[in-house]
Amino acid sequence: MGILDGIVDWLATQIMNLLDLLSSSVLGALGCDMSTFKRYFPAAETMYEIFVWLGVGLLLLNLVWSLFKNYAAGLDVETEDPVKLLFRSGIFLLCIWYADDIVNAALRIGGAPYRWIVDSDLPAVQFGSFNSVLLVIIGVLANGSVALIALILLVILAWNYLKLLLEAAERYITLGILVFTAPVVFALGASRSTNNIFRSWCRVFGSQLFLLIMNAWCLKLFTNMVAEFLANPLAL
């Protein structure tokens, strides 16, 4: 059993060291700015201008089509006031051109609470020491191969924590896609027939930003819980 316990203890240590590495790197790399997204997906920034001109083309095409429908107003076809349509098209044309500034302003607003959460002054946690504490507790409560029981619990803990980290990364990638395709969506906001798509995009953008902040909050709560547990392992 000594060899088995040694192997199990080594595996548990490696798992917790991996959690240490992921915990310190993921939260710092992710955020409400697109610097990490640009570093790993440089083509998104390169092709951004394509989406700008695509958005301009869609806006003008939608404008021409909406104005053309006014000729069929007597055939019970839904039309829009040409003056209001031209005014809204001019506003959204500016939004397309300055989409990067508009979206970055929203990211800066959302990034403030994200940084507050990530930079909050909480007790430091070292997942590597979690295994030794767990061995002590299980040794008090159970007999037999204590290291194997601790490894099973650590795998469950690590898997759920990894899923939470992957969810935060998924939120960040989704947010990056929404940011770099924003000019195309702004092109759909001028006409009443396509305005619901633009409003849906705004809801999705806001919700992803909020959920990314909540992911960081949940991760910080989890690491704080682990730190408190390591400080007082028998105070259950």
Protein backbone atom coordinates (compact mmCIF):
# COMPACT_ATOMS: atom_id res chain seq x y z
CA MET A 1 0.00 0.00 0.00
CA GLY A 2 2.99 2.30 0.46
CA ILE A 3 3.73 2.44 -3.27
CA LEU A 4 0.06 2.96 -4.10
CA ASP A 5 -0.24 5.73 -1.55
CA GLY A 6 2.87 7.39 -2.99
CA ILE A 7 1.48 7.29 -6.54
CA VAL A 8 -1.91 8.58 -5.43
CA ASP A 9 -0.30 11.37 -3.40
CA TRP A 10 1.83 12.40 -6.41
CA LEU A 11 -1.23 12.48 -8.70
CA ALA A 12 -3.18 14.55 -6.18
CA THR A 13 -0.30 17.01 -5.88
CA GLN A 14 -0.08 17.43 -9.65
CA ILE A 15 -3.83 18.02 -9.90
CA MET A 16 -3.75 20.74 -7.26
CA ASN A 17 -0.66 22.35 -8.79
CA LEU A 18 -2.54 22.48 -12.09
CA LEU A 19 -5.45 24.20 -10.36
CA ASP A 20 -2.99 26.70 -8.89
CA LEU A 21 -1.65 27.47 -12.36
CA LEU A 22 -5.09 27.81 -13.93
CA SER A 23 -6.47 29.91 -11.10
CA SER A 24 -3.62 32.42 -11.27
CA SER A 25 -3.57 32.71 -15.07
CA VAL A 26 -7.15 32.46 -16.33
CA LEU A 27 -8.72 35.22 -14.24
CA GLY A 28 -5.86 37.57 -15.03
CA ALA A 29 -5.91 36.79 -18.75
CA LEU A 30 -9.66 37.10 -19.16
CA GLY A 31 -11.52 40.31 -18.57
CA CYS A 32 -13.74 42.88 -20.21
CA ASP A 33 -11.06 44.07 -22.62
CA MET A 34 -10.17 42.36 -25.88
CA SER A 35 -6.38 42.29 -25.50
CA THR A 36 -6.25 38.54 -24.83
CA PHE A 37 -8.78 37.85 -27.60
CA LYS A 38 -6.67 39.83 -30.09
CA ARG A 39 -3.53 38.00 -29.03
CA TYR A 40 -4.98 34.55 -29.63
CA PHE A 41 -7.26 35.49 -32.55
CA PRO A 42 -5.34 38.19 -34.47
CA ALA A 43 -7.41 37.57 -37.62
CA ALA A 44 -10.45 39.09 -35.87
CA GLU A 45 -8.80 42.51 -35.70
CA THR A 46 -7.45 42.16 -39.25
CA MET A 47 -10.89 41.40 -40.67
CA TYR A 48 -12.72 43.99 -38.57
CA GLU A 49 -12.68 46.51 -41.43
CA ILE A 50 -14.48 43.96 -43.60
CA PHE A 51 -17.35 43.89 -41.13
CA VAL A 52 -17.44 47.69 -41.07
CA TRP A 53 -17.88 47.95 -44.83
CA LEU A 54 -20.26 45.00 -44.80
CA GLY A 55 -22.34 46.85 -42.23
CA VAL A 56 -22.33 50.01 -44.35
CA GLY A 57 -23.44 47.99 -47.39
CA LEU A 58 -26.24 46.29 -45.47
CA LEU A 59 -27.43 49.61 -44.07
CA LEU A 60 -27.58 51.24 -47.50
CA LEU A 61 -29.22 48.18 -49.05
CA ASN A 62 -31.84 48.10 -46.30
CA LEU A 63 -32.40 51.86 -46.71
CA VAL A 64 -32.97 51.57 -50.46
CA TRP A 65 -35.31 48.63 -50.00
CA SER A 66 -37.33 50.38 -47.27
CA LEU A 67 -37.65 53.52 -49.41
CA PHE A 68 -38.66 51.43 -52.43
CA LYS A 69 -41.49 49.84 -50.41
CA ASN A 70 -43.11 53.27 -50.12
CA TYR A 71 -44.15 52.93 -53.77
CA ALA A 72 -46.26 49.93 -52.73
CA ALA A 73 -47.93 51.73 -49.83
CA GLY A 74 -51.33 51.42 -51.46
CA LEU A 75 -51.02 47.63 -51.66
CA ASP A 76 -51.22 47.17 -47.88
CA VAL A 77 -47.45 46.84 -47.55
CA GLU A 78 -45.92 47.99 -44.26
CA THR A 79 -43.84 51.11 -44.88
CA GLU A 80 -41.86 53.62 -42.81
CA ASP A 81 -41.72 57.38 -42.78
CA PRO A 82 -38.88 58.25 -45.21
CA VAL A 83 -37.70 61.21 -43.12
CA LYS A 84 -37.48 59.15 -39.92
CA LEU A 85 -35.87 56.30 -41.83
CA LEU A 86 -33.19 58.58 -43.27
CA PHE A 87 -32.56 60.11 -39.86
CA ARG A 88 -32.18 56.73 -38.17
CA SER A 89 -30.00 55.47 -41.01
CA GLY A 90 -27.67 58.45 -40.57
CA ILE A 91 -27.39 57.77 -36.83
CA PHE A 92 -26.65 54.09 -37.29
CA LEU A 93 -24.19 54.85 -40.06
CA LEU A 94 -22.20 56.82 -37.50
CA CYS A 95 -22.62 53.94 -35.05
CA ILE A 96 -21.15 51.54 -37.62
CA TRP A 97 -18.18 53.81 -38.26
CA TYR A 98 -17.51 54.31 -34.54
CA ALA A 99 -18.63 50.84 -33.44
CA ASP A 100 -15.21 50.10 -31.98
CA ASP A 101 -15.34 53.17 -29.72
CA ILE A 102 -18.93 52.49 -28.67
CA VAL A 103 -18.29 48.85 -27.77
CA ASN A 104 -15.02 49.65 -26.00
CA ALA A 105 -16.82 52.24 -23.88
CA ALA A 106 -19.30 49.56 -22.80
CA LEU A 107 -16.42 47.18 -22.08
CA ARG A 108 -14.69 49.78 -19.92
CA ILE A 109 -17.88 50.25 -17.92
CA GLY A 110 -18.26 46.49 -17.44
CA GLY A 111 -14.54 46.07 -16.84
CA ALA A 112 -14.57 48.26 -13.73
CA PRO A 113 -16.55 45.82 -11.52
CA TYR A 114 -14.62 42.90 -13.06
CA ARG A 115 -11.31 44.42 -11.97
CA TRP A 116 -12.74 45.22 -8.54
CA ILE A 117 -13.66 41.56 -8.10
CA VAL A 118 -10.40 40.12 -9.47
CA ASP A 119 -8.21 42.58 -7.54
CA SER A 120 -10.18 42.28 -4.30
CA ASP A 121 -7.99 41.83 -1.24
CA LEU A 122 -8.77 38.26 -0.18
CA PRO A 123 -6.61 35.70 1.65
CA ALA A 124 -4.21 34.01 -0.76
CA VAL A 125 -4.96 30.38 -1.54
CA GLN A 126 -2.58 27.61 -2.51
CA PHE A 127 -4.44 24.62 -3.87
CA GLY A 128 -1.30 22.53 -3.45
CA SER A 129 -1.75 22.46 0.33
CA PHE A 130 -5.38 21.38 0.02
CA ASN A 131 -4.44 17.72 -0.42
CA SER A 132 -2.46 17.47 2.84
CA VAL A 133 -5.31 19.07 4.78
CA LEU A 134 -7.82 16.72 3.18
CA LEU A 135 -5.66 13.72 4.11
CA VAL A 136 -5.68 14.79 7.75
CA ILE A 137 -9.47 15.18 7.85
CA ILE A 138 -10.17 11.89 6.06
CA GLY A 139 -7.61 10.15 8.28
CA VAL A 140 -9.69 11.19 11.28
CA LEU A 141 -12.98 10.07 9.72
CA ALA A 142 -12.03 7.01 7.69
CA ASN A 143 -9.76 4.00 7.68
CA GLY A 144 -8.05 2.17 4.82
CA SER A 145 -6.46 3.88 1.84
CA VAL A 146 -6.95 7.48 2.89
CA ALA A 147 -4.88 8.84 -0.02
CA LEU A 148 -7.11 7.14 -2.58
CA ILE A 149 -10.25 8.62 -1.02
CA ALA A 150 -8.61 12.05 -1.01
CA LEU A 151 -7.65 11.66 -4.67
CA ILE A 152 -11.25 10.89 -5.65
CA LEU A 153 -12.49 13.96 -3.81
CA LEU A 154 -9.76 16.09 -5.37
CA VAL A 155 -10.64 14.90 -8.87
CA ILE A 156 -14.29 15.86 -8.28
CA LEU A 157 -13.23 19.25 -6.93
CA ALA A 158 -10.77 19.88 -9.76
CA TRP A 159 -13.26 18.85 -12.45
CA ASN A 160 -15.98 21.21 -11.22
CA TYR A 161 -13.50 24.05 -10.80
CA LEU A 162 -12.15 23.42 -14.30
CA LYS A 163 -15.68 23.54 -15.72
CA LEU A 164 -16.20 26.92 -14.08
CA LEU A 165 -12.96 28.20 -15.60
CA LEU A 166 -13.92 26.86 -19.04
CA GLU A 167 -17.30 28.54 -18.74
CA ALA A 168 -15.59 31.87 -18.03
CA ALA A 169 -13.34 31.36 -21.08
CA GLU A 170 -16.39 30.53 -23.20
CA ARG A 171 -18.14 33.71 -22.05
CA TYR A 172 -15.04 35.71 -22.97
CA ILE A 173 -14.80 34.21 -26.48
CA THR A 174 -18.52 34.80 -27.07
CA LEU A 175 -18.11 38.39 -25.93
CA GLY A 176 -15.19 38.82 -28.34
CA ILE A 177 -17.27 37.54 -31.25
CA LEU A 178 -20.04 39.99 -30.38
CA VAL A 179 -17.54 42.85 -30.20
CA PHE A 180 -15.88 42.25 -33.56
CA THR A 181 -19.15 41.65 -35.41
CA ALA A 182 -20.86 44.71 -33.92
CA PRO A 183 -20.73 46.84 -37.14
CA VAL A 184 -22.89 44.31 -38.99
CA VAL A 185 -25.48 44.31 -36.21
CA PHE A 186 -25.55 48.13 -36.04
CA ALA A 187 -26.54 48.09 -39.70
CA LEU A 188 -29.79 46.35 -38.76
CA GLY A 189 -30.92 48.94 -36.24
CA ALA A 190 -32.14 51.63 -38.62
CA SER A 191 -35.18 49.83 -40.06
CA ARG A 192 -38.16 48.74 -38.03
CA SER A 193 -38.22 45.39 -39.85
CA THR A 194 -34.72 44.50 -38.61
CA ASN A 195 -34.52 46.55 -35.41
CA ASN A 196 -35.50 43.53 -33.30
CA ILE A 197 -32.25 41.81 -34.33
CA PHE A 198 -30.25 44.79 -33.10
CA ARG A 199 -32.12 44.88 -29.81
CA SER A 200 -31.57 41.13 -29.35
CA TRP A 201 -27.85 41.65 -29.92
CA CYS A 202 -27.81 44.39 -27.27
CA ARG A 203 -29.48 42.04 -24.78
CA VAL A 204 -27.03 39.23 -25.55
CA PHE A 205 -24.04 41.59 -25.33
CA GLY A 206 -25.17 42.95 -21.97
CA SER A 207 -25.97 39.50 -20.59
CA GLN A 208 -22.60 38.03 -21.64
CA LEU A 209 -20.80 40.97 -20.05
CA PHE A 210 -22.78 40.53 -16.84
CA LEU A 211 -22.27 36.73 -16.77
CA LEU A 212 -18.52 37.17 -17.28
CA ILE A 213 -18.45 39.39 -14.20
CA MET A 214 -20.51 36.80 -12.29
CA ASN A 215 -18.10 34.03 -13.34
CA ALA A 216 -15.21 36.00 -11.86
CA TRP A 217 -17.25 36.55 -8.69
CA CYS A 218 -18.02 32.83 -8.35
CA LEU A 219 -14.37 31.88 -8.89
CA LYS A 220 -13.22 34.36 -6.26
CA LEU A 221 -15.83 33.03 -3.83
CA PHE A 222 -14.62 29.50 -4.45
CA THR A 223 -10.95 30.34 -3.91
CA ASN A 224 -11.87 32.29 -0.78
CA MET A 225 -13.78 29.26 0.52
CA VAL A 226 -10.74 27.04 -0.11
CA ALA A 227 -8.49 29.53 1.68
CA GLU A 228 -10.78 29.58 4.71
CA PHE A 229 -10.96 25.78 4.68
CA LEU A 230 -7.18 25.46 4.61
CA ALA A 231 -6.86 27.94 7.47
CA ASN A 232 -9.41 26.07 9.65
CA PRO A 233 -9.71 22.52 8.21
CA LEU A 234 -11.38 20.98 11.25
CA ALA A 235 -13.88 23.79 11.85
CA LEU A 236 -16.68 22.05 9.95
